[in-house]
Amino acid sequence: GPQLFHCSAGKDRTGWVAALLLHVA
């Protein structure tokens, strides 16, 4: 479903999650 993930600056924790998702893909 539609989801949004973010953190306070949108670069560190968000960047880590995005990197993990790309790895999984």
mmCIF file of all heavy atoms, coordinates in Angstrom:
data_MODEL
# 
_entry.id   MODEL 
# 
loop_
_atom_site.group_PDB 
_atom_site.id 
_atom_site.type_symbol 
_atom_site.label_atom_id 
_atom_site.label_alt_id 
_atom_site.label_comp_id 
_atom_site.label_asym_id 
_atom_site.label_entity_id 
_atom_site.label_seq_id 
_atom_site.pdbx_PDB_ins_code 
_atom_site.Cartn_x 
_atom_site.Cartn_y 
_atom_site.Cartn_z 
_atom_site.occupancy 
_atom_site.B_iso_or_equiv 
_atom_site.pdbx_formal_charge 
_atom_site.auth_seq_id 
_atom_site.auth_comp_id 
_atom_site.auth_asym_id 
_atom_site.auth_atom_id 
_atom_site.pdbx_PDB_model_num 
ATOM 1   N N   . GLY A 1 1  ? 0.826  -1.202 0.000  1.00 0.00 ? 1  GLY A N   1 
ATOM 2   C CA  . GLY A 1 1  ? 0.000  0.000  0.000  1.00 0.00 ? 1  GLY A CA  1 
ATOM 3   C C   . GLY A 1 1  ? 0.856  1.245  0.000  1.00 0.00 ? 1  GLY A C   1 
ATOM 4   O O   . GLY A 1 1  ? 2.066  1.185  0.202  1.00 0.00 ? 1  GLY A O   1 
ATOM 5   N N   . PRO A 1 2  ? 0.246  2.384  -0.229 1.00 0.00 ? 2  PRO A N   1 
ATOM 6   C CA  . PRO A 1 2  ? 1.011  3.631  -0.210 1.00 0.00 ? 2  PRO A CA  1 
ATOM 7   C C   . PRO A 1 2  ? 1.581  3.889  1.181  1.00 0.00 ? 2  PRO A C   1 
ATOM 8   O O   . PRO A 1 2  ? 0.862  3.802  2.174  1.00 0.00 ? 2  PRO A O   1 
ATOM 9   C CB  . PRO A 1 2  ? -0.012 4.704  -0.576 1.00 0.00 ? 2  PRO A CB  1 
ATOM 10  C CG  . PRO A 1 2  ? -1.229 3.988  -1.033 1.00 0.00 ? 2  PRO A CG  1 
ATOM 11  C CD  . PRO A 1 2  ? -1.154 2.591  -0.532 1.00 0.00 ? 2  PRO A CD  1 
ATOM 12  N N   . GLN A 1 3  ? 2.860  4.159  1.242  1.00 0.00 ? 3  GLN A N   1 
ATOM 13  C CA  . GLN A 1 3  ? 3.516  4.436  2.515  1.00 0.00 ? 3  GLN A CA  1 
ATOM 14  C C   . GLN A 1 3  ? 4.605  5.481  2.308  1.00 0.00 ? 3  GLN A C   1 
ATOM 15  O O   . GLN A 1 3  ? 5.151  5.614  1.226  1.00 0.00 ? 3  GLN A O   1 
ATOM 16  C CB  . GLN A 1 3  ? 4.133  3.161  3.101  1.00 0.00 ? 3  GLN A CB  1 
ATOM 17  C CG  . GLN A 1 3  ? 3.097  2.110  3.455  1.00 0.00 ? 3  GLN A CG  1 
ATOM 18  C CD  . GLN A 1 3  ? 3.695  0.959  4.218  1.00 0.00 ? 3  GLN A CD  1 
ATOM 19  O OE1 . GLN A 1 3  ? 4.402  1.163  5.193  1.00 0.00 ? 3  GLN A OE1 1 
ATOM 20  N NE2 . GLN A 1 3  ? 3.420  -0.257 3.774  1.00 0.00 ? 3  GLN A NE2 1 
ATOM 21  N N   . LEU A 1 4  ? 4.896  6.192  3.366  1.00 0.00 ? 4  LEU A N   1 
ATOM 22  C CA  . LEU A 1 4  ? 5.927  7.215  3.374  1.00 0.00 ? 4  LEU A CA  1 
ATOM 23  C C   . LEU A 1 4  ? 6.801  6.960  4.585  1.00 0.00 ? 4  LEU A C   1 
ATOM 24  O O   . LEU A 1 4  ? 6.298  6.750  5.679  1.00 0.00 ? 4  LEU A O   1 
ATOM 25  C CB  . LEU A 1 4  ? 5.277  8.604  3.476  1.00 0.00 ? 4  LEU A CB  1 
ATOM 26  C CG  . LEU A 1 4  ? 6.188  9.781  3.808  1.00 0.00 ? 4  LEU A CG  1 
ATOM 27  C CD1 . LEU A 1 4  ? 7.079  10.109 2.624  1.00 0.00 ? 4  LEU A CD1 1 
ATOM 28  C CD2 . LEU A 1 4  ? 5.349  10.999 4.193  1.00 0.00 ? 4  LEU A CD2 1 
ATOM 29  N N   . PHE A 1 5  ? 8.105  6.947  4.387  1.00 0.00 ? 5  PHE A N   1 
ATOM 30  C CA  . PHE A 1 5  ? 9.003  6.858  5.539  1.00 0.00 ? 5  PHE A CA  1 
ATOM 31  C C   . PHE A 1 5  ? 9.931  8.053  5.489  1.00 0.00 ? 5  PHE A C   1 
ATOM 32  O O   . PHE A 1 5  ? 10.315 8.519  4.416  1.00 0.00 ? 5  PHE A O   1 
ATOM 33  C CB  . PHE A 1 5  ? 9.773  5.528  5.581  1.00 0.00 ? 5  PHE A CB  1 
ATOM 34  C CG  . PHE A 1 5  ? 10.676 5.263  4.394  1.00 0.00 ? 5  PHE A CG  1 
ATOM 35  C CD1 . PHE A 1 5  ? 12.019 5.622  4.435  1.00 0.00 ? 5  PHE A CD1 1 
ATOM 36  C CD2 . PHE A 1 5  ? 10.192 4.639  3.260  1.00 0.00 ? 5  PHE A CD2 1 
ATOM 37  C CE1 . PHE A 1 5  ? 12.862 5.370  3.359  1.00 0.00 ? 5  PHE A CE1 1 
ATOM 38  C CE2 . PHE A 1 5  ? 11.024 4.383  2.175  1.00 0.00 ? 5  PHE A CE2 1 
ATOM 39  C CZ  . PHE A 1 5  ? 12.350 4.756  2.224  1.00 0.00 ? 5  PHE A CZ  1 
ATOM 40  N N   . HIS A 1 6  ? 10.236 8.578  6.655  1.00 0.00 ? 6  HIS A N   1 
ATOM 41  C CA  . HIS A 1 6  ? 11.107 9.750  6.716  1.00 0.00 ? 6  HIS A CA  1 
ATOM 42  C C   . HIS A 1 6  ? 11.711 9.869  8.104  1.00 0.00 ? 6  HIS A C   1 
ATOM 43  O O   . HIS A 1 6  ? 11.332 9.164  9.037  1.00 0.00 ? 6  HIS A O   1 
ATOM 44  C CB  . HIS A 1 6  ? 10.330 11.024 6.355  1.00 0.00 ? 6  HIS A CB  1 
ATOM 45  C CG  . HIS A 1 6  ? 9.254  11.370 7.343  1.00 0.00 ? 6  HIS A CG  1 
ATOM 46  N ND1 . HIS A 1 6  ? 9.479  12.148 8.448  1.00 0.00 ? 6  HIS A ND1 1 
ATOM 47  C CD2 . HIS A 1 6  ? 7.951  11.026 7.372  1.00 0.00 ? 6  HIS A CD2 1 
ATOM 48  C CE1 . HIS A 1 6  ? 8.357  12.269 9.131  1.00 0.00 ? 6  HIS A CE1 1 
ATOM 49  N NE2 . HIS A 1 6  ? 7.409  11.596 8.499  1.00 0.00 ? 6  HIS A NE2 1 
ATOM 50  N N   . CYS A 1 7  ? 12.666 10.764 8.215  1.00 0.00 ? 7  CYS A N   1 
ATOM 51  C CA  . CYS A 1 7  ? 13.249 11.104 9.513  1.00 0.00 ? 7  CYS A CA  1 
ATOM 52  C C   . CYS A 1 7  ? 13.348 12.623 9.571  1.00 0.00 ? 7  CYS A C   1 
ATOM 53  O O   . CYS A 1 7  ? 12.861 13.310 8.675  1.00 0.00 ? 7  CYS A O   1 
ATOM 54  C CB  . CYS A 1 7  ? 14.606 10.420 9.712  1.00 0.00 ? 7  CYS A CB  1 
ATOM 55  S SG  . CYS A 1 7  ? 15.864 10.874 8.503  1.00 0.00 ? 7  CYS A SG  1 
ATOM 56  N N   . SER A 1 8  ? 13.966 13.151 10.574 1.00 0.00 ? 8  SER A N   1 
ATOM 57  C CA  . SER A 1 8  ? 13.942 14.607 10.757 1.00 0.00 ? 8  SER A CA  1 
ATOM 58  C C   . SER A 1 8  ? 14.577 15.363 9.592  1.00 0.00 ? 8  SER A C   1 
ATOM 59  O O   . SER A 1 8  ? 14.045 16.379 9.155  1.00 0.00 ? 8  SER A O   1 
ATOM 60  C CB  . SER A 1 8  ? 14.587 15.004 12.085 1.00 0.00 ? 8  SER A CB  1 
ATOM 61  O OG  . SER A 1 8  ? 15.896 14.482 12.169 1.00 0.00 ? 8  SER A OG  1 
ATOM 62  N N   . ALA A 1 9  ? 15.696 14.898 9.071  1.00 0.00 ? 9  ALA A N   1 
ATOM 63  C CA  . ALA A 1 9  ? 16.331 15.585 7.944  1.00 0.00 ? 9  ALA A CA  1 
ATOM 64  C C   . ALA A 1 9  ? 16.117 14.848 6.618  1.00 0.00 ? 9  ALA A C   1 
ATOM 65  O O   . ALA A 1 9  ? 16.387 15.397 5.560  1.00 0.00 ? 9  ALA A O   1 
ATOM 66  C CB  . ALA A 1 9  ? 17.825 15.770 8.200  1.00 0.00 ? 9  ALA A CB  1 
ATOM 67  N N   . GLY A 1 10 ? 15.674 13.602 6.683  1.00 0.00 ? 10 GLY A N   1 
ATOM 68  C CA  . GLY A 1 10 ? 15.398 12.849 5.471  1.00 0.00 ? 10 GLY A CA  1 
ATOM 69  C C   . GLY A 1 10 ? 16.623 12.353 4.743  1.00 0.00 ? 10 GLY A C   1 
ATOM 70  O O   . GLY A 1 10 ? 16.571 12.109 3.536  1.00 0.00 ? 10 GLY A O   1 
ATOM 71  N N   . LYS A 1 11 ? 17.742 12.161 5.473  1.00 0.00 ? 11 LYS A N   1 
ATOM 72  C CA  . LYS A 1 11 ? 18.955 11.755 4.768  1.00 0.00 ? 11 LYS A CA  1 
ATOM 73  C C   . LYS A 1 11 ? 19.696 10.592 5.423  1.00 0.00 ? 11 LYS A C   1 
ATOM 74  O O   . LYS A 1 11 ? 20.271 9.780  4.720  1.00 0.00 ? 11 LYS A O   1 
ATOM 75  C CB  . LYS A 1 11 ? 19.906 12.940 4.616  1.00 0.00 ? 11 LYS A CB  1 
ATOM 76  C CG  . LYS A 1 11 ? 20.434 13.475 5.921  1.00 0.00 ? 11 LYS A CG  1 
ATOM 77  C CD  . LYS A 1 11 ? 21.413 14.620 5.704  1.00 0.00 ? 11 LYS A CD  1 
ATOM 78  C CE  . LYS A 1 11 ? 22.030 15.072 6.995  1.00 0.00 ? 11 LYS A CE  1 
ATOM 79  N NZ  . LYS A 1 11 ? 22.841 14.061 7.666  1.00 0.00 ? 11 LYS A NZ  1 
ATOM 80  N N   . ASP A 1 12 ? 19.694 10.489 6.727  1.00 0.00 ? 12 ASP A N   1 
ATOM 81  C CA  . ASP A 1 12 ? 20.483 9.447  7.385  1.00 0.00 ? 12 ASP A CA  1 
ATOM 82  C C   . ASP A 1 12 ? 19.652 8.187  7.635  1.00 0.00 ? 12 ASP A C   1 
ATOM 83  O O   . ASP A 1 12 ? 19.855 7.178  6.965  1.00 0.00 ? 12 ASP A O   1 
ATOM 84  C CB  . ASP A 1 12 ? 21.099 9.983  8.680  1.00 0.00 ? 12 ASP A CB  1 
ATOM 85  C CG  . ASP A 1 12 ? 22.036 11.149 8.415  1.00 0.00 ? 12 ASP A CG  1 
ATOM 86  O OD1 . ASP A 1 12 ? 22.855 11.049 7.484  1.00 0.00 ? 12 ASP A OD1 1 
ATOM 87  O OD2 . ASP A 1 12 ? 21.931 12.175 9.122  1.00 0.00 ? 12 ASP A OD2 1 
ATOM 88  N N   . ARG A 1 13 ? 18.718 8.232  8.552  1.00 0.00 ? 13 ARG A N   1 
ATOM 89  C CA  . ARG A 1 13 ? 17.862 7.066  8.787  1.00 0.00 ? 13 ARG A CA  1 
ATOM 90  C C   . ARG A 1 13 ? 17.041 6.741  7.552  1.00 0.00 ? 13 ARG A C   1 
ATOM 91  O O   . ARG A 1 13 ? 16.922 5.572  7.163  1.00 0.00 ? 13 ARG A O   1 
ATOM 92  C CB  . ARG A 1 13 ? 16.969 7.307  10.008 1.00 0.00 ? 13 ARG A CB  1 
ATOM 93  C CG  . ARG A 1 13 ? 17.789 7.345  11.294 1.00 0.00 ? 13 ARG A CG  1 
ATOM 94  C CD  . ARG A 1 13 ? 17.029 7.908  12.449 1.00 0.00 ? 13 ARG A CD  1 
ATOM 95  N NE  . ARG A 1 13 ? 16.866 9.356  12.261 1.00 0.00 ? 13 ARG A NE  1 
ATOM 96  C CZ  . ARG A 1 13 ? 16.411 10.174 13.185 1.00 0.00 ? 13 ARG A CZ  1 
ATOM 97  N NH1 . ARG A 1 13 ? 16.043 9.694  14.358 1.00 0.00 ? 13 ARG A NH1 1 
ATOM 98  N NH2 . ARG A 1 13 ? 16.303 11.472 12.950 1.00 0.00 ? 13 ARG A NH2 1 
ATOM 99  N N   . THR A 1 14 ? 16.522 7.772  6.892  1.00 0.00 ? 14 THR A N   1 
ATOM 100 C CA  . THR A 1 14 ? 15.770 7.569  5.658  1.00 0.00 ? 14 THR A CA  1 
ATOM 101 C C   . THR A 1 14 ? 16.680 6.997  4.573  1.00 0.00 ? 14 THR A C   1 
ATOM 102 O O   . THR A 1 14 ? 16.289 6.084  3.838  1.00 0.00 ? 14 THR A O   1 
ATOM 103 C CB  . THR A 1 14 ? 15.148 8.899  5.186  1.00 0.00 ? 14 THR A CB  1 
ATOM 104 O OG1 . THR A 1 14 ? 14.240 9.352  6.196  1.00 0.00 ? 14 THR A OG1 1 
ATOM 105 C CG2 . THR A 1 14 ? 14.428 8.753  3.877  1.00 0.00 ? 14 THR A CG2 1 
ATOM 106 N N   . GLY A 1 15 ? 17.888 7.521  4.467  1.00 0.00 ? 15 GLY A N   1 
ATOM 107 C CA  . GLY A 1 15 ? 18.846 7.023  3.487  1.00 0.00 ? 15 GLY A CA  1 
ATOM 108 C C   . GLY A 1 15 ? 19.216 5.575  3.730  1.00 0.00 ? 15 GLY A C   1 
ATOM 109 O O   . GLY A 1 15 ? 19.387 4.793  2.782  1.00 0.00 ? 15 GLY A O   1 
ATOM 110 N N   . TRP A 1 16 ? 19.337 5.208  5.004  1.00 0.00 ? 16 TRP A N   1 
ATOM 111 C CA  . TRP A 1 16 ? 19.669 3.824  5.348  1.00 0.00 ? 16 TRP A CA  1 
ATOM 112 C C   . TRP A 1 16 ? 18.524 2.898  4.958  1.00 0.00 ? 16 TRP A C   1 
ATOM 113 O O   . TRP A 1 16 ? 18.744 1.849  4.361  1.00 0.00 ? 16 TRP A O   1 
ATOM 114 C CB  . TRP A 1 16 ? 20.000 3.722  6.831  1.00 0.00 ? 16 TRP A CB  1 
ATOM 115 C CG  . TRP A 1 16 ? 20.376 2.358  7.310  1.00 0.00 ? 16 TRP A CG  1 
ATOM 116 C CD1 . TRP A 1 16 ? 19.779 1.651  8.310  1.00 0.00 ? 16 TRP A CD1 1 
ATOM 117 C CD2 . TRP A 1 16 ? 21.439 1.505  6.839  1.00 0.00 ? 16 TRP A CD2 1 
ATOM 118 N NE1 . TRP A 1 16 ? 20.398 0.428  8.488  1.00 0.00 ? 16 TRP A NE1 1 
ATOM 119 C CE2 . TRP A 1 16 ? 21.413 0.324  7.595  1.00 0.00 ? 16 TRP A CE2 1 
ATOM 120 C CE3 . TRP A 1 16 ? 22.403 1.650  5.834  1.00 0.00 ? 16 TRP A CE3 1 
ATOM 121 C CZ2 . TRP A 1 16 ? 22.323 -0.717 7.381  1.00 0.00 ? 16 TRP A CZ2 1 
ATOM 122 C CZ3 . TRP A 1 16 ? 23.310 0.604  5.623  1.00 0.00 ? 16 TRP A CZ3 1 
ATOM 123 C CH2 . TRP A 1 16 ? 23.260 -0.558 6.398  1.00 0.00 ? 16 TRP A CH2 1 
ATOM 124 N N   . VAL A 1 17 ? 17.291 3.276  5.278  1.00 0.00 ? 17 VAL A N   1 
ATOM 125 C CA  . VAL A 1 17 ? 16.146 2.442  4.899  1.00 0.00 ? 17 VAL A CA  1 
ATOM 126 C C   . VAL A 1 17 ? 16.069 2.321  3.379  1.00 0.00 ? 17 VAL A C   1 
ATOM 127 O O   . VAL A 1 17 ? 15.861 1.227  2.841  1.00 0.00 ? 17 VAL A O   1 
ATOM 128 C CB  . VAL A 1 17 ? 14.828 2.987  5.494  1.00 0.00 ? 17 VAL A CB  1 
ATOM 129 C CG1 . VAL A 1 17 ? 13.612 2.277  4.892  1.00 0.00 ? 17 VAL A CG1 1 
ATOM 130 C CG2 . VAL A 1 17 ? 14.825 2.844  7.010  1.00 0.00 ? 17 VAL A CG2 1 
ATOM 131 N N   . ALA A 1 18 ? 16.239 3.425  2.670  1.00 0.00 ? 18 ALA A N   1 
ATOM 132 C CA  . ALA A 1 18 ? 16.189 3.377  1.205  1.00 0.00 ? 18 ALA A CA  1 
ATOM 133 C C   . ALA A 1 18 ? 17.290 2.465  0.655  1.00 0.00 ? 18 ALA A C   1 
ATOM 134 O O   . ALA A 1 18 ? 17.046 1.683  -0.274 1.00 0.00 ? 18 ALA A O   1 
ATOM 135 C CB  . ALA A 1 18 ? 16.318 4.782  0.627  1.00 0.00 ? 18 ALA A CB  1 
ATOM 136 N N   . ALA A 1 19 ? 18.486 2.545  1.233  1.00 0.00 ? 19 ALA A N   1 
ATOM 137 C CA  . ALA A 1 19 ? 19.589 1.680  0.792  1.00 0.00 ? 19 ALA A CA  1 
ATOM 138 C C   . ALA A 1 19 ? 19.253 0.210  1.049  1.00 0.00 ? 19 ALA A C   1 
ATOM 139 O O   . ALA A 1 19 ? 19.537 -0.651 0.202  1.00 0.00 ? 19 ALA A O   1 
ATOM 140 C CB  . ALA A 1 19 ? 20.883 2.076  1.500  1.00 0.00 ? 19 ALA A CB  1 
ATOM 141 N N   . LEU A 1 20 ? 18.651 -0.074 2.186  1.00 0.00 ? 20 LEU A N   1 
ATOM 142 C CA  . LEU A 1 20 ? 18.262 -1.453 2.485  1.00 0.00 ? 20 LEU A CA  1 
ATOM 143 C C   . LEU A 1 20 ? 17.206 -1.949 1.505  1.00 0.00 ? 20 LEU A C   1 
ATOM 144 O O   . LEU A 1 20 ? 17.286 -3.080 1.015  1.00 0.00 ? 20 LEU A O   1 
ATOM 145 C CB  . LEU A 1 20 ? 17.734 -1.561 3.922  1.00 0.00 ? 20 LEU A CB  1 
ATOM 146 C CG  . LEU A 1 20 ? 18.750 -1.338 5.027  1.00 0.00 ? 20 LEU A CG  1 
ATOM 147 C CD1 . LEU A 1 20 ? 18.053 -1.328 6.394  1.00 0.00 ? 20 LEU A CD1 1 
ATOM 148 C CD2 . LEU A 1 20 ? 19.871 -2.358 4.991  1.00 0.00 ? 20 LEU A CD2 1 
ATOM 149 N N   . LEU A 1 21 ? 16.234 -1.100 1.199  1.00 0.00 ? 21 LEU A N   1 
ATOM 150 C CA  . LEU A 1 21 ? 15.196 -1.495 0.246  1.00 0.00 ? 21 LEU A CA  1 
ATOM 151 C C   . LEU A 1 21 ? 15.785 -1.762 -1.137 1.00 0.00 ? 21 LEU A C   1 
ATOM 152 O O   . LEU A 1 21 ? 15.412 -2.739 -1.798 1.00 0.00 ? 21 LEU A O   1 
ATOM 153 C CB  . LEU A 1 21 ? 14.119 -0.414 0.157  1.00 0.00 ? 21 LEU A CB  1 
ATOM 154 C CG  . LEU A 1 21 ? 13.217 -0.281 1.386  1.00 0.00 ? 21 LEU A CG  1 
ATOM 155 C CD1 . LEU A 1 21 ? 12.353 0.967  1.281  1.00 0.00 ? 21 LEU A CD1 1 
ATOM 156 C CD2 . LEU A 1 21 ? 12.361 -1.527 1.573  1.00 0.00 ? 21 LEU A CD2 1 
ATOM 157 N N   . LEU A 1 22 ? 16.691 -0.911 -1.564 1.00 0.00 ? 22 LEU A N   1 
ATOM 158 C CA  . LEU A 1 22 ? 17.335 -1.129 -2.863 1.00 0.00 ? 22 LEU A CA  1 
ATOM 159 C C   . LEU A 1 22 ? 18.132 -2.426 -2.863 1.00 0.00 ? 22 LEU A C   1 
ATOM 160 O O   . LEU A 1 22 ? 18.120 -3.173 -3.845 1.00 0.00 ? 22 LEU A O   1 
ATOM 161 C CB  . LEU A 1 22 ? 18.215 0.065  -3.222 1.00 0.00 ? 22 LEU A CB  1 
ATOM 162 C CG  . LEU A 1 22 ? 17.449 1.348  -3.568 1.00 0.00 ? 22 LEU A CG  1 
ATOM 163 C CD1 . LEU A 1 22 ? 18.411 2.531  -3.686 1.00 0.00 ? 22 LEU A CD1 1 
ATOM 164 C CD2 . LEU A 1 22 ? 16.629 1.175  -4.833 1.00 0.00 ? 22 LEU A CD2 1 
ATOM 165 N N   . HIS A 1 23 ? 18.806 -2.722 -1.741 1.00 0.00 ? 23 HIS A N   1 
ATOM 166 C CA  . HIS A 1 23 ? 19.545 -3.988 -1.634 1.00 0.00 ? 23 HIS A CA  1 
ATOM 167 C C   . HIS A 1 23 ? 18.577 -5.168 -1.744 1.00 0.00 ? 23 HIS A C   1 
ATOM 168 O O   . HIS A 1 23 ? 18.842 -6.127 -2.478 1.00 0.00 ? 23 HIS A O   1 
ATOM 169 C CB  . HIS A 1 23 ? 20.325 -4.039 -0.321 1.00 0.00 ? 23 HIS A CB  1 
ATOM 170 C CG  . HIS A 1 23 ? 20.954 -5.363 -0.080 1.00 0.00 ? 23 HIS A CG  1 
ATOM 171 N ND1 . HIS A 1 23 ? 22.128 -5.750 -0.699 1.00 0.00 ? 23 HIS A ND1 1 
ATOM 172 C CD2 . HIS A 1 23 ? 20.563 -6.412 0.689  1.00 0.00 ? 23 HIS A CD2 1 
ATOM 173 C CE1 . HIS A 1 23 ? 22.438 -6.983 -0.319 1.00 0.00 ? 23 HIS A CE1 1 
ATOM 174 N NE2 . HIS A 1 23 ? 21.503 -7.397 0.522  1.00 0.00 ? 23 HIS A NE2 1 
ATOM 175 N N   . VAL A 1 24 ? 17.481 -5.104 -1.009 1.00 0.00 ? 24 VAL A N   1 
ATOM 176 C CA  . VAL A 1 24 ? 16.486 -6.183 -1.055 1.00 0.00 ? 24 VAL A CA  1 
ATOM 177 C C   . VAL A 1 24 ? 15.975 -6.374 -2.484 1.00 0.00 ? 24 VAL A C   1 
ATOM 178 O O   . VAL A 1 24 ? 15.736 -7.497 -2.926 1.00 0.00 ? 24 VAL A O   1 
ATOM 179 C CB  . VAL A 1 24 ? 15.323 -5.895 -0.078 1.00 0.00 ? 24 VAL A CB  1 
ATOM 180 C CG1 . VAL A 1 24 ? 14.152 -6.839 -0.311 1.00 0.00 ? 24 VAL A CG1 1 
ATOM 181 C CG2 . VAL A 1 24 ? 15.807 -5.994 1.369  1.00 0.00 ? 24 VAL A CG2 1 
ATOM 182 N N   . ALA A 1 25 ? 15.838 -5.281 -3.215 1.00 0.00 ? 25 ALA A N   1 
ATOM 183 C CA  . ALA A 1 25 ? 15.346 -5.346 -4.596 1.00 0.00 ? 25 ALA A CA  1 
ATOM 184 C C   . ALA A 1 25 ? 16.396 -5.873 -5.568 1.00 0.00 ? 25 ALA A C   1 
ATOM 185 O O   . ALA A 1 25 ? 16.102 -6.067 -6.746 1.00 0.00 ? 25 ALA A O   1 
ATOM 186 C CB  . ALA A 1 25 ? 14.871 -3.965 -5.041 1.00 0.00 ? 25 ALA A CB  1 
# 
